Amino acid sequence: MVSPVRRCSRTACGRPAVATLTYVYADSTAVLGPLATHAEPHCYDLCSDHSERLTAPRGWEVVRLAVPPGPARHSGDDLEALADAVREAARTPRAPERADPPARSPETDPMEVARRGHLRVLRSPD
């Protein structure tokens, strides 16, 4: 049976995770923040002891985001933000889609026979 509590990613540490560590290789930055909603394969969950003692490789910067005290609780904020974004997208009028794309002349692309959306039908080179 697997425990629903996420554990620290450090070897031989079984304490509950309270923070998530992510590396941004392009910026040589390690970002330590609140425990992510879902376990990600390229992130590391850390307990409070390991998150406090975290150091980065030489030349790297550590960015520490505020970790709320106490056990992690789920919030409806993310779900509400998603619902608001969906409602906003539904309200935004979209440009009407054209049923038939503009005709192409053989001078423009002699190999193109027809087009549907982003797909093109080309003549055989034979």
N, C-alpha and C. Protein backbone atom coordinates (compact mmCIF):
# COMPACT_ATOMS: atom_id res chain seq x y z
N MET A 1 0.84 -1.17 0.00
CA MET A 1 0.00 0.00 0.00
C MET A 1 0.89 1.24 0.00
N VAL A 2 0.57 2.22 -0.85
CA VAL A 2 1.36 3.43 -0.97
C VAL A 2 0.72 4.53 -0.15
N SER A 3 1.55 5.28 0.58
CA SER A 3 1.06 6.38 1.40
C SER A 3 0.69 7.57 0.52
N PRO A 4 -0.45 8.24 0.81
CA PRO A 4 -0.83 9.40 0.02
C PRO A 4 0.03 10.63 0.32
N VAL A 5 0.81 10.59 1.41
CA VAL A 5 1.67 11.71 1.79
C VAL A 5 2.95 11.62 0.97
N ARG A 6 3.33 12.74 0.34
CA ARG A 6 4.58 12.75 -0.42
C ARG A 6 5.75 12.87 0.55
N ARG A 7 6.78 12.12 0.27
CA ARG A 7 7.95 12.06 1.14
C ARG A 7 9.11 12.82 0.52
N CYS A 8 10.07 13.16 1.34
CA CYS A 8 11.29 13.85 0.92
C CYS A 8 12.03 12.99 -0.11
N SER A 9 12.55 13.63 -1.15
CA SER A 9 13.26 12.92 -2.21
C SER A 9 14.67 12.52 -1.83
N ARG A 10 15.21 13.06 -0.76
CA ARG A 10 16.58 12.74 -0.35
C ARG A 10 16.66 11.29 0.09
N THR A 11 17.75 10.64 -0.25
CA THR A 11 17.97 9.25 0.08
C THR A 11 17.91 9.03 1.59
N ALA A 12 17.21 8.00 2.01
CA ALA A 12 17.08 7.58 3.40
C ALA A 12 16.32 8.58 4.27
N CYS A 13 15.62 9.51 3.68
CA CYS A 13 14.80 10.46 4.45
C CYS A 13 13.34 10.09 4.22
N GLY A 14 12.62 9.84 5.27
CA GLY A 14 11.22 9.45 5.13
C GLY A 14 10.26 10.50 5.63
N ARG A 15 10.77 11.70 5.94
CA ARG A 15 9.90 12.75 6.46
C ARG A 15 8.98 13.28 5.36
N PRO A 16 7.82 13.85 5.74
CA PRO A 16 6.90 14.40 4.75
C PRO A 16 7.50 15.62 4.05
N ALA A 17 7.25 15.73 2.76
CA ALA A 17 7.76 16.86 1.97
C ALA A 17 6.93 18.11 2.24
N VAL A 18 7.62 19.26 2.28
CA VAL A 18 6.93 20.54 2.49
C VAL A 18 7.29 21.55 1.40
N ALA A 19 8.29 21.24 0.57
CA ALA A 19 8.74 22.17 -0.46
C ALA A 19 9.14 21.40 -1.70
N THR A 20 9.15 22.10 -2.84
CA THR A 20 9.55 21.49 -4.11
C THR A 20 10.74 22.27 -4.67
N LEU A 21 11.76 21.54 -5.09
CA LEU A 21 12.96 22.12 -5.67
C LEU A 21 12.96 21.88 -7.17
N THR A 22 13.21 22.94 -7.92
CA THR A 22 13.28 22.86 -9.38
C THR A 22 14.55 23.55 -9.83
N TYR A 23 15.25 22.96 -10.78
CA TYR A 23 16.46 23.58 -11.33
C TYR A 23 16.12 24.23 -12.66
N VAL A 24 16.58 25.48 -12.84
CA VAL A 24 16.46 26.17 -14.12
C VAL A 24 17.87 26.24 -14.68
N TYR A 25 18.23 25.26 -15.50
CA TYR A 25 19.60 25.13 -15.97
C TYR A 25 20.04 26.31 -16.82
N ALA A 26 19.15 26.86 -17.62
CA ALA A 26 19.51 27.98 -18.50
C ALA A 26 19.95 29.21 -17.70
N ASP A 27 19.39 29.39 -16.50
CA ASP A 27 19.72 30.54 -15.66
C ASP A 27 20.64 30.20 -14.50
N SER A 28 21.10 28.96 -14.41
CA SER A 28 21.92 28.49 -13.28
C SER A 28 21.26 28.86 -11.96
N THR A 29 20.00 28.49 -11.83
CA THR A 29 19.20 28.84 -10.66
C THR A 29 18.48 27.62 -10.12
N ALA A 30 18.47 27.52 -8.80
CA ALA A 30 17.67 26.50 -8.11
C ALA A 30 16.51 27.23 -7.45
N VAL A 31 15.29 26.82 -7.73
CA VAL A 31 14.10 27.48 -7.17
C VAL A 31 13.47 26.54 -6.16
N LEU A 32 13.35 27.02 -4.93
CA LEU A 32 12.74 26.26 -3.85
C LEU A 32 11.46 26.97 -3.44
N GLY A 33 10.33 26.30 -3.59
CA GLY A 33 9.05 26.92 -3.28
C GLY A 33 8.13 25.97 -2.57
N PRO A 34 6.87 26.38 -2.42
CA PRO A 34 5.88 25.52 -1.75
C PRO A 34 5.74 24.19 -2.48
N LEU A 35 5.27 23.20 -1.77
CA LEU A 35 5.08 21.88 -2.34
C LEU A 35 4.16 21.96 -3.55
N ALA A 36 4.62 21.44 -4.67
CA ALA A 36 3.84 21.46 -5.90
C ALA A 36 2.58 20.62 -5.74
N THR A 37 1.55 20.98 -6.48
CA THR A 37 0.28 20.26 -6.41
C THR A 37 0.44 18.80 -6.79
N HIS A 38 1.24 18.54 -7.83
CA HIS A 38 1.47 17.17 -8.30
C HIS A 38 2.96 16.90 -8.33
N ALA A 39 3.36 15.68 -8.09
CA ALA A 39 4.76 15.29 -8.19
C ALA A 39 5.18 15.32 -9.65
N GLU A 40 6.25 16.03 -9.94
CA GLU A 40 6.78 16.13 -11.30
C GLU A 40 8.07 15.33 -11.39
N PRO A 41 8.35 14.73 -12.54
CA PRO A 41 9.53 13.88 -12.64
C PRO A 41 10.86 14.64 -12.54
N HIS A 42 10.91 15.93 -12.87
CA HIS A 42 12.16 16.68 -12.86
C HIS A 42 12.24 17.65 -11.69
N CYS A 43 11.42 17.45 -10.69
CA CYS A 43 11.42 18.27 -9.49
C CYS A 43 11.69 17.36 -8.29
N TYR A 44 12.13 17.96 -7.21
CA TYR A 44 12.45 17.20 -6.02
C TYR A 44 11.65 17.73 -4.84
N ASP A 45 10.96 16.86 -4.15
CA ASP A 45 10.22 17.24 -2.96
C ASP A 45 11.15 17.12 -1.77
N LEU A 46 11.17 18.14 -0.91
CA LEU A 46 12.08 18.14 0.23
C LEU A 46 11.32 18.37 1.53
N CYS A 47 11.82 17.76 2.61
CA CYS A 47 11.26 17.99 3.94
C CYS A 47 11.76 19.35 4.44
N SER A 48 11.27 19.78 5.60
CA SER A 48 11.65 21.10 6.12
C SER A 48 13.14 21.17 6.42
N ASP A 49 13.73 20.11 6.98
CA ASP A 49 15.17 20.12 7.30
C ASP A 49 16.02 20.25 6.04
N HIS A 50 15.74 19.45 5.04
CA HIS A 50 16.53 19.50 3.81
C HIS A 50 16.30 20.79 3.03
N SER A 51 15.10 21.34 3.07
CA SER A 51 14.86 22.59 2.35
C SER A 51 15.58 23.76 3.02
N GLU A 52 15.71 23.73 4.35
CA GLU A 52 16.42 24.80 5.06
C GLU A 52 17.93 24.74 4.82
N ARG A 53 18.47 23.53 4.68
CA ARG A 53 19.92 23.37 4.50
C ARG A 53 20.35 23.33 3.05
N LEU A 54 19.44 23.57 2.13
CA LEU A 54 19.74 23.47 0.70
C LEU A 54 20.83 24.46 0.28
N THR A 55 21.81 23.98 -0.46
CA THR A 55 22.81 24.84 -1.08
C THR A 55 22.85 24.49 -2.56
N ALA A 56 23.30 25.44 -3.36
CA ALA A 56 23.36 25.22 -4.81
C ALA A 56 24.83 25.07 -5.22
N PRO A 57 25.06 24.52 -6.40
CA PRO A 57 26.43 24.39 -6.90
C PRO A 57 27.09 25.77 -7.03
N ARG A 58 28.41 25.78 -7.01
CA ARG A 58 29.16 27.03 -7.15
C ARG A 58 28.75 27.75 -8.44
N GLY A 59 28.48 29.05 -8.32
CA GLY A 59 28.07 29.85 -9.48
C GLY A 59 26.57 29.86 -9.71
N TRP A 60 25.83 29.09 -8.95
CA TRP A 60 24.37 29.04 -9.08
C TRP A 60 23.74 29.92 -8.02
N GLU A 61 22.52 30.34 -8.28
CA GLU A 61 21.75 31.15 -7.34
C GLU A 61 20.58 30.32 -6.83
N VAL A 62 20.25 30.50 -5.55
CA VAL A 62 19.09 29.83 -4.97
C VAL A 62 18.00 30.87 -4.76
N VAL A 63 16.84 30.64 -5.34
CA VAL A 63 15.67 31.51 -5.15
C VAL A 63 14.72 30.76 -4.23
N ARG A 64 14.44 31.35 -3.09
CA ARG A 64 13.55 30.73 -2.11
C ARG A 64 12.22 31.47 -2.10
N LEU A 65 11.18 30.79 -2.51
CA LEU A 65 9.83 31.35 -2.45
C LEU A 65 9.24 31.02 -1.08
N ALA A 66 8.36 31.86 -0.60
CA ALA A 66 7.79 31.66 0.74
C ALA A 66 7.03 30.34 0.80
N VAL A 67 7.37 29.54 1.79
CA VAL A 67 6.68 28.27 2.04
C VAL A 67 5.75 28.50 3.23
N PRO A 68 4.43 28.36 3.03
CA PRO A 68 3.51 28.59 4.14
C PRO A 68 3.76 27.61 5.28
N PRO A 69 3.71 28.08 6.54
CA PRO A 69 3.94 27.18 7.67
C PRO A 69 2.79 26.19 7.81
N GLY A 70 3.09 25.06 8.41
CA GLY A 70 2.05 24.06 8.65
C GLY A 70 1.90 23.11 7.48
N PRO A 71 1.01 22.14 7.63
CA PRO A 71 0.82 21.15 6.57
C PRO A 71 0.20 21.78 5.32
N ALA A 72 0.56 21.23 4.18
CA ALA A 72 0.03 21.73 2.92
C ALA A 72 -1.46 21.43 2.83
N ARG A 73 -2.22 22.44 2.40
CA ARG A 73 -3.66 22.25 2.23
C ARG A 73 -4.03 22.62 0.81
N HIS A 74 -5.01 21.93 0.27
CA HIS A 74 -5.47 22.24 -1.07
C HIS A 74 -6.35 23.47 -1.03
N SER A 75 -6.23 24.27 -2.07
CA SER A 75 -7.02 25.49 -2.14
C SER A 75 -7.83 25.47 -3.43
N GLY A 76 -8.95 26.16 -3.41
CA GLY A 76 -9.79 26.24 -4.60
C GLY A 76 -9.34 27.32 -5.56
N ASP A 77 -8.30 28.08 -5.19
CA ASP A 77 -7.86 29.19 -6.03
C ASP A 77 -7.46 28.75 -7.44
N ASP A 78 -6.72 27.65 -7.55
CA ASP A 78 -6.29 27.19 -8.86
C ASP A 78 -7.48 26.79 -9.72
N LEU A 79 -8.42 26.08 -9.13
CA LEU A 79 -9.60 25.65 -9.87
C LEU A 79 -10.44 26.85 -10.29
N GLU A 80 -10.56 27.83 -9.40
CA GLU A 80 -11.32 29.04 -9.74
C GLU A 80 -10.63 29.82 -10.85
N ALA A 81 -9.31 29.91 -10.82
CA ALA A 81 -8.57 30.61 -11.87
C ALA A 81 -8.75 29.92 -13.21
N LEU A 82 -8.74 28.60 -13.21
CA LEU A 82 -8.95 27.85 -14.44
C LEU A 82 -10.36 28.08 -14.98
N ALA A 83 -11.35 28.05 -14.10
CA ALA A 83 -12.73 28.27 -14.53
C ALA A 83 -12.90 29.68 -15.09
N ASP A 84 -12.27 30.68 -14.45
CA ASP A 84 -12.33 32.05 -14.96
C ASP A 84 -11.69 32.17 -16.33
N ALA A 85 -10.57 31.49 -16.54
CA ALA A 85 -9.89 31.53 -17.83
C ALA A 85 -10.76 30.90 -18.92
N VAL A 86 -11.44 29.80 -18.59
CA VAL A 86 -12.32 29.15 -19.57
C VAL A 86 -13.50 30.07 -19.91
N ARG A 87 -14.08 30.70 -18.90
CA ARG A 87 -15.18 31.64 -19.16
C ARG A 87 -14.72 32.81 -20.03
N GLU A 88 -13.54 33.34 -19.75
CA GLU A 88 -13.01 34.46 -20.53
C GLU A 88 -12.77 34.05 -21.98
N ALA A 89 -12.23 32.86 -22.18
CA ALA A 89 -11.99 32.37 -23.54
C ALA A 89 -13.30 32.19 -24.29
N ALA A 90 -14.34 31.79 -23.59
CA ALA A 90 -15.64 31.61 -24.25
C ALA A 90 -16.24 32.96 -24.64
N ARG A 91 -15.96 34.01 -23.86
CA ARG A 91 -16.50 35.34 -24.17
C ARG A 91 -15.76 36.04 -25.30
N THR A 92 -14.49 35.73 -25.50
CA THR A 92 -13.69 36.41 -26.51
C THR A 92 -14.12 35.94 -27.89
N PRO A 93 -14.56 36.88 -28.73
CA PRO A 93 -14.98 36.47 -30.08
C PRO A 93 -13.76 36.07 -30.91
N ARG A 94 -13.92 34.98 -31.62
CA ARG A 94 -12.85 34.51 -32.49
C ARG A 94 -13.13 34.94 -33.91
N ALA A 95 -12.07 35.07 -34.68
CA ALA A 95 -12.21 35.40 -36.10
C ALA A 95 -12.89 34.22 -36.79
N PRO A 96 -13.84 34.48 -37.67
CA PRO A 96 -14.51 33.37 -38.34
C PRO A 96 -13.52 32.59 -39.21
N GLU A 97 -13.67 31.28 -39.17
CA GLU A 97 -12.81 30.44 -39.99
C GLU A 97 -13.35 30.39 -41.40
N ARG A 98 -12.43 30.44 -42.35
CA ARG A 98 -12.84 30.39 -43.76
C ARG A 98 -13.04 28.93 -44.15
N ALA A 99 -14.12 28.67 -44.84
CA ALA A 99 -14.40 27.30 -45.28
C ALA A 99 -13.39 26.86 -46.33
N ASP A 100 -13.12 27.73 -47.28
CA ASP A 100 -12.17 27.41 -48.35
C ASP A 100 -11.01 28.39 -48.29
N PRO A 101 -9.79 27.89 -48.21
CA PRO A 101 -8.65 28.78 -48.21
C PRO A 101 -8.51 29.45 -49.58
N PRO A 102 -7.82 30.56 -49.62
CA PRO A 102 -7.65 31.23 -50.91
C PRO A 102 -6.96 30.31 -51.91
N ALA A 103 -7.40 30.40 -53.14
CA ALA A 103 -6.83 29.54 -54.18
C ALA A 103 -5.39 29.95 -54.45
N ARG A 104 -4.57 28.94 -54.68
CA ARG A 104 -3.17 29.21 -55.02
C ARG A 104 -2.98 28.95 -56.50
N SER A 105 -2.23 29.79 -57.07
CA SER A 105 -1.97 29.61 -58.49
C SER A 105 -0.72 28.75 -58.66
N PRO A 106 -0.59 28.07 -59.77
CA PRO A 106 0.60 27.24 -60.00
C PRO A 106 1.89 28.06 -59.96
N GLU A 107 1.79 29.38 -60.22
CA GLU A 107 2.99 30.21 -60.18
C GLU A 107 3.51 30.33 -58.74
N THR A 108 2.60 30.29 -57.75
CA THR A 108 3.00 30.43 -56.36
C THR A 108 3.70 29.18 -55.88
N ASP A 109 3.11 28.02 -56.09
CA ASP A 109 3.70 26.75 -55.68
C ASP A 109 3.27 25.70 -56.70
N PRO A 110 4.12 25.42 -57.69
CA PRO A 110 3.72 24.49 -58.76
C PRO A 110 3.49 23.06 -58.29
N MET A 111 4.01 22.68 -57.12
CA MET A 111 3.83 21.32 -56.63
C MET A 111 2.53 21.16 -55.85
N GLU A 112 1.94 22.25 -55.39
CA GLU A 112 0.74 22.16 -54.56
C GLU A 112 -0.50 21.96 -55.42
N VAL A 113 -1.28 20.94 -55.07
CA VAL A 113 -2.50 20.64 -55.79
C VAL A 113 -3.71 21.16 -55.03
N ALA A 114 -3.73 20.94 -53.71
CA ALA A 114 -4.86 21.37 -52.88
C ALA A 114 -4.35 21.65 -51.48
N ARG A 115 -5.22 22.28 -50.68
CA ARG A 115 -4.86 22.63 -49.31
C ARG A 115 -6.10 22.51 -48.44
N ARG A 116 -5.93 21.97 -47.24
CA ARG A 116 -7.00 21.90 -46.26
C ARG A 116 -6.39 22.24 -44.90
N GLY A 117 -6.71 23.42 -44.38
CA GLY A 117 -6.13 23.87 -43.12
C GLY A 117 -4.64 24.05 -43.29
N HIS A 118 -3.86 23.41 -42.45
CA HIS A 118 -2.41 23.52 -42.55
C HIS A 118 -1.80 22.40 -43.38
N LEU A 119 -2.63 21.50 -43.92
CA LEU A 119 -2.14 20.38 -44.73
C LEU A 119 -2.17 20.75 -46.20
N ARG A 120 -1.18 20.26 -46.95
CA ARG A 120 -1.12 20.51 -48.39
C ARG A 120 -1.03 19.20 -49.14
N VAL A 121 -1.66 19.12 -50.29
CA VAL A 121 -1.55 17.98 -51.18
C VAL A 121 -0.59 18.40 -52.28
N LEU A 122 0.48 17.60 -52.47
CA LEU A 122 1.49 17.94 -53.46
C LEU A 122 1.49 16.94 -54.60
N ARG A 123 1.86 17.41 -55.76
CA ARG A 123 2.00 16.53 -56.92
C ARG A 123 3.19 15.60 -56.70
N SER A 124 3.09 14.43 -57.27
CA SER A 124 4.20 13.50 -57.24
C SER A 124 5.31 14.06 -58.12
N PRO A 125 6.56 13.97 -57.71
CA PRO A 125 7.64 14.51 -58.53
C PRO A 125 7.86 13.74 -59.83
N ASP A 126 7.23 12.56 -59.96
CA ASP A 126 7.42 11.74 -61.18
C ASP A 126 6.70 12.32 -62.35
